[in-house]
C-alpha atoms as a PDB file:
ATOM      1  CA  MET A   1      11.081  -7.575 -11.332  1.00  0.00           C
ATOM      2  CA  PHE A   2      12.636  -5.827  -8.311  1.00  0.00           C
ATOM      3  CA  GLU A   3      16.068  -6.295  -6.768  1.00  0.00           C
ATOM      4  CA  ALA A   4      15.399  -5.785  -3.065  1.00  0.00           C
ATOM      5  CA  THR A   5      17.893  -4.418  -0.528  1.00  0.00           C
ATOM      6  CA  ARG A   6      16.895  -3.793   3.075  1.00  0.00           C
ATOM      7  CA  ARG A   7      18.848  -1.866   5.729  1.00  0.00           C
ATOM      8  CA  ASP A   8      18.319   0.731   8.465  1.00  0.00           C
ATOM      9  CA  GLY A   9      14.528   0.596   8.135  1.00  0.00           C
ATOM     10  CA  VAL A  10      14.596   1.247   4.397  1.00  0.00           C
ATOM     11  CA  CYS A  11      13.763  -1.212   1.633  1.00  0.00           C
ATOM     12  CA  ARG A  12      15.168  -0.318  -1.787  1.00  0.00           C
ATOM     13  CA  LEU A  13      13.419  -1.871  -4.786  1.00  0.00           C
ATOM     14  CA  GLY A  14      15.720  -1.470  -7.742  1.00  0.00           C
ATOM     15  CA  ARG A  15      15.310  -1.869 -11.445  1.00  0.00           C
ATOM     16  CA  PRO A  16      17.220   0.298 -13.963  1.00  0.00           C
ATOM     17  CA  ASP A  17      15.333   3.015 -15.858  1.00  0.00           C
ATOM     18  CA  THR A  18      11.881   1.980 -14.696  1.00  0.00           C
ATOM     19  CA  ARG A  19       8.582   3.823 -15.208  1.00  0.00           C
ATOM     20  CA  TRP A  20       6.806   4.366 -11.885  1.00  0.00           C
ATOM     21  CA  LEU A  21       3.378   5.635 -10.884  1.00  0.00           C
ATOM     22  CA  SER A  22       2.940   6.353  -7.168  1.00  0.00           C
ATOM     23  CA  THR A  23      -0.151   7.253  -5.143  1.00  0.00           C
ATOM     24  CA  GLY A  24       1.971   8.159  -2.103  1.00  0.00           C
ATOM     25  CA  TYR A  25       4.053  11.092  -0.893  1.00  0.00           C
ATOM     26  CA  ALA A  26       5.340  13.251  -3.801  1.00  0.00           C
ATOM     27  CA  GLY A  27       3.575  10.773  -6.082  1.00  0.00           C
ATOM     28  CA  GLY A  28       2.659  10.723  -9.738  1.00  0.00           C
ATOM     29  CA  GLU A  29       4.638   9.481 -12.726  1.00  0.00           C
ATOM     30  CA  SER A  30       8.412   9.292 -12.753  1.00  0.00           C
ATOM     31  CA  ARG A  31      11.352   7.434 -14.225  1.00  0.00           C
ATOM     32  CA  ALA A  32      14.059   6.173 -11.877  1.00  0.00           C
ATOM     33  CA  ASP A  33      16.317   3.259 -11.031  1.00  0.00           C
ATOM     34  CA  ALA A  34      14.677   2.509  -7.685  1.00  0.00           C
ATOM     35  CA  ALA A  35      11.732   3.029  -5.357  1.00  0.00           C
ATOM     36  CA  PHE A  36      11.818   2.988  -1.553  1.00  0.00           C
ATOM     37  CA  ASN A  37       9.699   1.852   1.388  1.00  0.00           C
ATOM     38  CA  VAL A  38      10.698   3.663   4.598  1.00  0.00           C
ATOM     39  CA  THR A  39       9.695   2.671   8.131  1.00  0.00           C
ATOM     40  CA  VAL A  40       9.024   5.633  10.419  1.00  0.00           C
ATOM     41  CA  PRO A  41       9.226   5.405  14.234  1.00  0.00           C
ATOM     42  CA  GLU A  42       6.279   5.337  16.606  1.00  0.00           C
ATOM     43  CA  GLY A  43       5.092   8.840  17.456  1.00  0.00           C
ATOM     44  CA  TRP A  44       6.715  10.118  14.272  1.00  0.00           C
ATOM     45  CA  PRO A  45       6.546  13.949  14.447  1.00  0.00           C
ATOM     46  CA  GLU A  46       7.982  14.940  11.054  1.00  0.00           C
ATOM     47  CA  THR A  47       6.215  17.489   8.846  1.00  0.00           C
ATOM     48  CA  ASP A  48       8.984  18.285   6.338  1.00  0.00           C
ATOM     49  CA  LEU A  49       8.725  15.047   4.375  1.00  0.00           C
ATOM     50  CA  ASP A  50      11.239  16.056   1.700  1.00  0.00           C
ATOM     51  CA  ALA A  51      13.964  16.617   4.278  1.00  0.00           C
ATOM     52  CA  TYR A  52      13.023  13.523   6.254  1.00  0.00           C
ATOM     53  CA  VAL A  53      13.094  11.199   3.248  1.00  0.00           C
ATOM     54  CA  GLU A  54      16.408  12.683   2.076  1.00  0.00           C
ATOM     55  CA  ARG A  55      17.903  12.137   5.512  1.00  0.00           C
ATOM     56  CA  ARG A  56      16.670   8.559   5.826  1.00  0.00           C
ATOM     57  CA  LEU A  57      17.798   7.454   2.361  1.00  0.00           C
ATOM     58  CA  SER A  58      21.196   9.070   2.812  1.00  0.00           C
ATOM     59  CA  SER A  59      21.750   7.555   6.252  1.00  0.00           C
ATOM     60  CA  ALA A  60      20.868   4.134   4.835  1.00  0.00           C
ATOM     61  CA  GLY A  61      23.541   4.594   2.170  1.00  0.00           C
ATOM     62  CA  PHE A  62      21.269   4.928  -0.857  1.00  0.00           C
ATOM     63  CA  ASP A  63      22.448   7.549  -3.348  1.00  0.00           C
ATOM     64  CA  GLU A  64      19.696   7.477  -5.971  1.00  0.00           C
ATOM     65  CA  ARG A  65      16.192   8.825  -5.473  1.00  0.00           C
ATOM     66  CA  GLY A  66      12.805   7.593  -6.611  1.00  0.00           C
ATOM     67  CA  PRO A  67       9.197   7.065  -5.501  1.00  0.00           C
ATOM     68  CA  THR A  68       9.088   6.683  -1.720  1.00  0.00           C
ATOM     69  CA  LEU A  69       6.360   5.372   0.582  1.00  0.00           C
ATOM     70  CA  LEU A  70       6.300   5.720   4.366  1.00  0.00           C
ATOM     71  CA  THR A  71       4.995   3.191   6.869  1.00  0.00           C
ATOM     72  CA  GLY A  72       5.040   2.296  10.544  1.00  0.00           C
ATOM     73  CA  VAL A  73       5.474  -1.383   9.684  1.00  0.00           C
ATOM     74  CA  GLY A  74       9.024  -2.671  10.098  1.00  0.00           C
ATOM     75  CA  GLN A  75      10.761  -3.725   6.894  1.00  0.00           C
ATOM     76  CA  GLU A  76      11.425  -7.145   8.406  1.00  0.00           C
ATOM     77  CA  HIS A  77       7.757  -7.761   7.627  1.00  0.00           C
ATOM     78  CA  ALA A  78       8.176  -6.965   3.907  1.00  0.00           C
ATOM     79  CA  ARG A  79       7.239  -9.897   1.711  1.00  0.00           C
ATOM     80  CA  ARG A  80       7.763 -10.487  -2.010  1.00  0.00           C
ATOM     81  CA  ALA A  81       5.579 -12.482  -4.413  1.00  0.00           C
ATOM     82  CA  ARG A  82       6.308 -13.369  -8.048  1.00  0.00           C
ATOM     83  CA  PHE A  83       4.077 -14.852 -10.719  1.00  0.00           C
ATOM     84  CA  GLY A  84       4.441 -14.666 -14.489  1.00  0.00           C
ATOM     85  CA  PRO A  85       5.546 -11.196 -15.622  1.00  0.00           C
ATOM     86  CA  VAL A  86       4.752  -9.536 -12.265  1.00  0.00           C
ATOM     87  CA  GLY A  87       6.515  -9.033  -8.958  1.00  0.00           C
ATOM     88  CA  VAL A  88       5.065  -7.465  -5.801  1.00  0.00           C
ATOM     89  CA  VAL A  89       6.580  -6.314  -2.515  1.00  0.00           C
ATOM     90  CA  ALA A  90       4.223  -5.418   0.332  1.00  0.00           C
ATOM     91  CA  THR A  91       4.291  -4.351   3.963  1.00  0.00           C
ATOM     92  CA  ALA A  92       1.013  -4.642   5.840  1.00  0.00           C
ATOM     93  CA  GLY A  93      -0.340  -3.576   9.205  1.00  0.00           C
ATOM     94  CA  VAL A  94      -3.961  -2.810  10.087  1.00  0.00           C
ATOM     95  CA  SER A  95      -4.022  -0.872  13.352  1.00  0.00           C
ATOM     96  CA  ASN A  96      -6.027   1.900  11.619  1.00  0.00           C
ATOM     97  CA  PRO A  97      -8.668   0.182   9.449  1.00  0.00           C
ATOM     98  CA  ALA A  98     -10.990   2.214   7.244  1.00  0.00           C
ATOM     99  CA  GLU A  99     -14.384   0.509   7.202  1.00  0.00           C
ATOM    100  CA  LEU A 100     -17.108   1.095   4.613  1.00  0.00           C
ATOM    101  CA  PRO A 101     -20.425  -0.395   5.791  1.00  0.00           C
ATOM    102  CA  ILE A 102     -22.675  -1.519   2.946  1.00  0.00           C
ATOM    103  CA  ASP A 103     -25.846  -2.677   4.721  1.00  0.00           C
ATOM    104  CA  GLY A 104     -27.670  -1.486   7.802  1.00  0.00           C
ATOM    105  CA  ASP A 105     -28.669   1.826   9.302  1.00  0.00           C
ATOM    106  CA  PRO A 106     -25.635   3.900  10.349  1.00  0.00           C
ATOM    107  CA  SER A 107     -27.718   5.413  13.152  1.00  0.00           C
ATOM    108  CA  GLU A 108     -27.788   1.982  14.816  1.00  0.00           C
ATOM    109  CA  ARG A 109     -24.031   2.059  15.427  1.00  0.00           C
ATOM    110  CA  ASP A 110     -22.644   2.768  18.881  1.00  0.00           C
ATOM    111  CA  ASP A 111     -21.564   6.395  19.292  1.00  0.00           C
ATOM    112  CA  GLU A 112     -18.176   5.189  20.512  1.00  0.00           C
ATOM    113  CA  SER A 113     -17.570   2.639  17.768  1.00  0.00           C
ATOM    114  CA  ASP A 114     -17.707   5.046  14.833  1.00  0.00           C
ATOM    115  CA  THR A 115     -15.238   7.513  16.345  1.00  0.00           C
ATOM    116  CA  ALA A 116     -12.262   5.276  17.098  1.00  0.00           C
ATOM    117  CA  ASP A 117      -9.987   8.317  16.650  1.00  0.00           C
ATOM    118  CA  VAL A 118     -10.816   9.498  13.152  1.00  0.00           C
ATOM    119  CA  THR A 119      -7.835  11.850  13.168  1.00  0.00           C
ATOM    120  CA  ALA A 120      -5.320   9.081  13.724  1.00  0.00           C
ATOM    121  CA  GLY A 121      -3.548   6.780  11.306  1.00  0.00           C
ATOM    122  CA  GLY A 122      -0.986   8.631   9.220  1.00  0.00           C
ATOM    123  CA  ASP A 123      -2.051  12.089  10.379  1.00  0.00           C
ATOM    124  CA  GLY A 124      -0.681  12.308  13.889  1.00  0.00           C
ATOM    125  CA  GLY A 125      -1.371   8.886  15.414  1.00  0.00           C
ATOM    126  CA  ASP A 126       0.537   5.631  15.523  1.00  0.00           C
ATOM    127  CA  PRO A 127       1.186   4.897  11.812  1.00  0.00           C
ATOM    128  CA  THR A 128       1.639   1.126  12.145  1.00  0.00           C
ATOM    129  CA  GLY A 129      -1.442   0.376  10.065  1.00  0.00           C
ATOM    130  CA  THR A 130      -0.256   1.301   6.593  1.00  0.00           C
ATOM    131  CA  VAL A 131      -0.480  -1.212   3.743  1.00  0.00           C
ATOM    132  CA  ASN A 132       2.113  -0.340   1.098  1.00  0.00           C
ATOM    133  CA  VAL A 133       2.121  -2.275  -2.180  1.00  0.00           C
ATOM    134  CA  PHE A 134       4.773  -2.080  -4.908  1.00  0.00           C
ATOM    135  CA  VAL A 135       3.676  -3.906  -8.059  1.00  0.00           C
ATOM    136  CA  GLY A 136       5.860  -4.153 -11.145  1.00  0.00           C
ATOM    137  CA  THR A 137       5.815  -5.938 -14.471  1.00  0.00           C
ATOM    138  CA  THR A 138       8.462  -6.798 -17.058  1.00  0.00           C
ATOM    139  CA  ARG A 139       6.007  -5.670 -19.750  1.00  0.00           C
ATOM    140  CA  SER A 140       5.912  -2.127 -21.151  1.00  0.00           C
ATOM    141  CA  LEU A 141       2.498  -0.738 -20.251  1.00  0.00           C
ATOM    142  CA  GLU A 142       0.605   1.991 -22.053  1.00  0.00           C
ATOM    143  CA  PRO A 143      -0.020   5.015 -19.776  1.00  0.00           C
ATOM    144  CA  GLY A 144      -3.608   3.946 -19.134  1.00  0.00           C
ATOM    145  CA  ALA A 145      -2.562   0.376 -18.406  1.00  0.00           C
ATOM    146  CA  LEU A 146      -0.001   1.533 -15.844  1.00  0.00           C
ATOM    147  CA  ALA A 147      -2.657   3.622 -14.116  1.00  0.00           C
ATOM    148  CA  ASN A 148      -5.070   0.716 -14.238  1.00  0.00           C
ATOM    149  CA  LEU A 149      -2.451  -1.517 -12.618  1.00  0.00           C
ATOM    150  CA  VAL A 150      -2.768   0.710  -9.544  1.00  0.00           C
ATOM    151  CA  ALA A 151      -6.513   0.027  -9.511  1.00  0.00           C
ATOM    152  CA  VAL A 152      -6.025  -3.720  -9.982  1.00  0.00           C
ATOM    153  CA  ALA A 153      -3.529  -3.815  -7.109  1.00  0.00           C
ATOM    154  CA  ALA A 154      -5.841  -1.775  -4.873  1.00  0.00           C
ATOM    155  CA  GLU A 155      -8.747  -4.142  -5.618  1.00  0.00           C
ATOM    156  CA  ALA A 156      -6.640  -7.176  -4.752  1.00  0.00           C
ATOM    157  CA  LYS A 157      -5.414  -5.509  -1.568  1.00  0.00           C
ATOM    158  CA  ALA A 158      -8.994  -4.638  -0.582  1.00  0.00           C
ATOM    159  CA  ALA A 159     -10.276  -8.176  -1.200  1.00  0.00           C
ATOM    160  CA  THR A 160      -7.435  -9.616   0.868  1.00  0.00           C
ATOM    161  CA  LEU A 161      -7.924  -7.242   3.785  1.00  0.00           C
ATOM    162  CA  LEU A 162     -11.697  -7.704   3.791  1.00  0.00           C
ATOM    163  CA  ASP A 163     -11.150 -11.412   4.282  1.00  0.00           C
ATOM    164  CA  ARG A 164      -8.568 -10.984   7.038  1.00  0.00           C
ATOM    165  CA  CYS A 165      -9.689  -7.908   8.988  1.00  0.00           C
ATOM    166  CA  GLY A 166     -13.138  -6.912   7.725  1.00  0.00           C
ATOM    167  CA  ALA A 167     -12.014  -3.616   6.155  1.00  0.00           C
ATOM    168  CA  PRO A 168     -10.874  -2.942   2.571  1.00  0.00           C
ATOM    169  CA  GLY A 169      -7.898  -0.869   3.684  1.00  0.00           C
ATOM    170  CA  THR A 170      -6.418   1.458   6.275  1.00  0.00           C
ATOM    171  CA  THR A 171      -6.406   5.231   6.454  1.00  0.00           C
ATOM    172  CA  THR A 172      -2.885   5.467   4.999  1.00  0.00           C
ATOM    173  CA  ASP A 173      -2.522   2.827   2.251  1.00  0.00           C
ATOM    174  CA  ALA A 174      -0.548   3.507  -0.928  1.00  0.00           C
ATOM    175  CA  VAL A 175       0.346   1.736  -4.176  1.00  0.00           C
ATOM    176  CA  VAL A 176       3.313   2.138  -6.500  1.00  0.00           C
ATOM    177  CA  ALA A 177       2.993   0.544  -9.954  1.00  0.00           C
ATOM    178  CA  ALA A 178       5.980   0.022 -12.230  1.00  0.00           C
ATOM    179  CA  CYS A 179       6.843  -1.316 -15.654  1.00  0.00           C
ATOM    180  CA  ASP A 180       9.853  -1.932 -17.896  1.00  0.00           C
ATOM    181  CA  PRO A 181       9.853   0.600 -20.767  1.00  0.00           C
ATOM    182  CA  THR A 182      11.855  -1.846 -22.913  1.00  0.00           C
ATOM    183  CA  GLY A 183       9.573  -4.837 -22.343  1.00  0.00           C
ATOM    184  CA  ASP A 184       6.960  -6.303 -24.646  1.00  0.00           C
ATOM    185  CA  PRO A 185       4.238  -3.660 -25.159  1.00  0.00           C
ATOM    186  CA  VAL A 186       0.904  -4.190 -23.412  1.00  0.00           C
ATOM    187  CA  THR A 187      -2.192  -2.058 -23.968  1.00  0.00           C
ATOM    188  CA  PHE A 188      -4.399  -3.354 -21.133  1.00  0.00           C
ATOM    189  CA  SER A 189      -3.815  -4.522 -17.565  1.00  0.00           C
ATOM    190  CA  GLY A 190      -7.311  -5.508 -16.425  1.00  0.00           C
ATOM    191  CA  SER A 191      -8.039  -8.485 -14.223  1.00  0.00           C
ATOM    192  CA  ALA A 192      -8.541 -10.837 -17.209  1.00  0.00           C
ATOM    193  CA  THR A 193      -5.176  -9.986 -18.791  1.00  0.00           C
ATOM    194  CA  GLU A 194      -1.907 -11.795 -18.102  1.00  0.00           C
ATOM    195  CA  VAL A 195      -0.491  -8.811 -16.239  1.00  0.00           C
ATOM    196  CA  GLY A 196      -3.672  -8.060 -14.302  1.00  0.00           C
ATOM    197  CA  ASN A 197      -4.249 -11.647 -13.229  1.00  0.00           C
ATOM    198  CA  ALA A 198      -0.633 -12.030 -12.116  1.00  0.00           C
ATOM    199  CA  ALA A 199      -0.826  -8.746 -10.201  1.00  0.00           C
ATOM    200  CA  ARG A 200      -3.910  -9.896  -8.301  1.00  0.00           C
ATOM    201  CA  VAL A 201      -2.276 -13.176  -7.352  1.00  0.00           C
ATOM    202  CA  CYS A 202       0.958 -11.501  -6.246  1.00  0.00           C
ATOM    203  CA  VAL A 203      -0.716  -8.706  -4.258  1.00  0.00           C
ATOM    204  CA  ARG A 204      -2.915 -11.190  -2.417  1.00  0.00           C
ATOM    205  CA  ASP A 205      -0.057 -13.489  -1.514  1.00  0.00           C
ATOM    206  CA  ALA A 206       2.421 -10.748  -0.570  1.00  0.00           C
ATOM    207  CA  VAL A 207      -0.108  -8.916   1.633  1.00  0.00           C
ATOM    208  CA  LEU A 208      -1.180 -12.159   3.320  1.00  0.00           C
ATOM    209  CA  ALA A 209       2.430 -13.109   4.012  1.00  0.00           C
ATOM    210  CA  SER A 210       3.225  -9.676   5.433  1.00  0.00           C
ATOM    211  CA  LEU A 211       0.148  -9.779   7.666  1.00  0.00           C
ATOM    212  CA  ASP A 212       1.076 -13.248   8.905  1.00  0.00           C
ATOM    213  CA  SER A 213       4.547 -11.945   9.758  1.00  0.00           C
ATOM    214  CA  ARG A 214       3.328  -8.733  11.388  1.00  0.00           C
ATOM    215  CA  TYR A 215       0.671 -10.519  13.476  1.00  0.00           C
ATOM    216  CA  ASP A 216       2.582 -13.687  14.267  1.00  0.00           C
ATOM    217  CA  ASP A 217       2.315 -13.037  18.005  1.00  0.00           C
ATOM    218  CA  ASP A 218      -0.576 -10.556  18.207  1.00  0.00           C
ATOM    219  CA  PRO A 219      -4.210 -10.991  17.114  1.00  0.00           C
ATOM    220  CA  ILE A 220      -5.107  -9.139  13.948  1.00  0.00           C
ATOM    221  CA  PRO A 221      -7.821  -6.490  14.477  1.00  0.00           C
ATOM    222  CA  ARG A 222     -11.083  -7.639  12.923  1.00  0.00           C
ATOM    223  CA  CYS A 223     -12.857  -4.254  13.040  1.00  0.00           C
ATOM    224  CA  VAL A 224     -12.356  -0.629  14.066  1.00  0.00           C
ATOM    225  CA  ASP A 225     -13.527  -1.426  17.609  1.00  0.00           C
ATOM    226  CA  GLU A 226     -10.618  -3.869  18.023  1.00  0.00           C
ATOM    227  CA  ALA A 227      -8.009  -1.580  16.437  1.00  0.00           C
ATOM    228  CA  SER A 228      -5.882   1.193  17.920  1.00  0.00           C
ATOM    229  CA  TYR A 229      -7.254   3.721  15.435  1.00  0.00           C
ATOM    230  CA  GLY A 230      -9.556   3.800  12.450  1.00  0.00           C
ATOM    231  CA  VAL A 231     -12.463   5.386  10.638  1.00  0.00           C
ATOM    232  CA  VAL A 232     -15.926   4.264   9.586  1.00  0.00           C
ATOM    233  CA  ALA A 233     -17.530   5.897   6.531  1.00  0.00           C
ATOM    234  CA  ASP A 234     -21.093   5.467   7.815  1.00  0.00           C
ATOM    235  CA  ASP A 235     -22.594   8.622   6.267  1.00  0.00           C
ATOM    236  CA  ARG A 236     -25.076   8.307   3.425  1.00  0.00           C
ATOM    237  CA  ALA A 237     -24.960  10.291   0.198  1.00  0.00           C
ATOM    238  CA  THR A 238     -27.992  11.682  -1.614  1.00  0.00           C
ATOM    239  CA  VAL A 239     -28.603   9.459  -4.662  1.00  0.00           C
ATOM    240  CA  SER A 240     -30.876  10.303  -7.588  1.00  0.00           C
ATOM    241  CA  PRO A 241     -31.478   9.259 -11.193  1.00  0.00           C
ATOM    242  CA  ILE A 242     -29.551  11.149 -13.860  1.00  0.00           C
END
């Protein structure tokens, strides 16, 4: 699905005249020949993201522009997975997990453990915890199916991270979904469809491979208490019948 080129901390994922849907910086729907995953340095101070992205893509020698995600994970940890009509490229680091407790009384948590720097992650702290997923298919997806592919990819990412680090994501994760406008038309992309099933398989395997690369020498954090940063959503909403 994607032709990948990596240099100067930028990974270009190319495919001519592709439909993209991004949940990241300057996201939304677009049509372009490429998307980009950009590694930012530790202690990254930038606030003008438009200027920063323009500078990084230009310095890496990429002339075209398209959906762009930012991460603290080095592009040497990017991993690609292919299955059926789907391809996925992912970079994964989990230094800022975002936990969502399901059982138990939140008041029983340690005061220190549920405030492991809630302002960190991509908003001023070390951004090495981002999980970025690019998922594309050679099929032509209806608008709703392309949007649903984002959800399918996010579910697969969450299931994978829950198994490996006990959290469904980090504070800065993003997904870019893509499809070929000239491919065979597809109305649905749910988990039981060919595209949805392939996306789940590819996201799982690409994220696992990236994690294994990123944490080859270091232990992977298993909870917020073991991570550099993170948040715990341990509040409780008011629930009532409708």
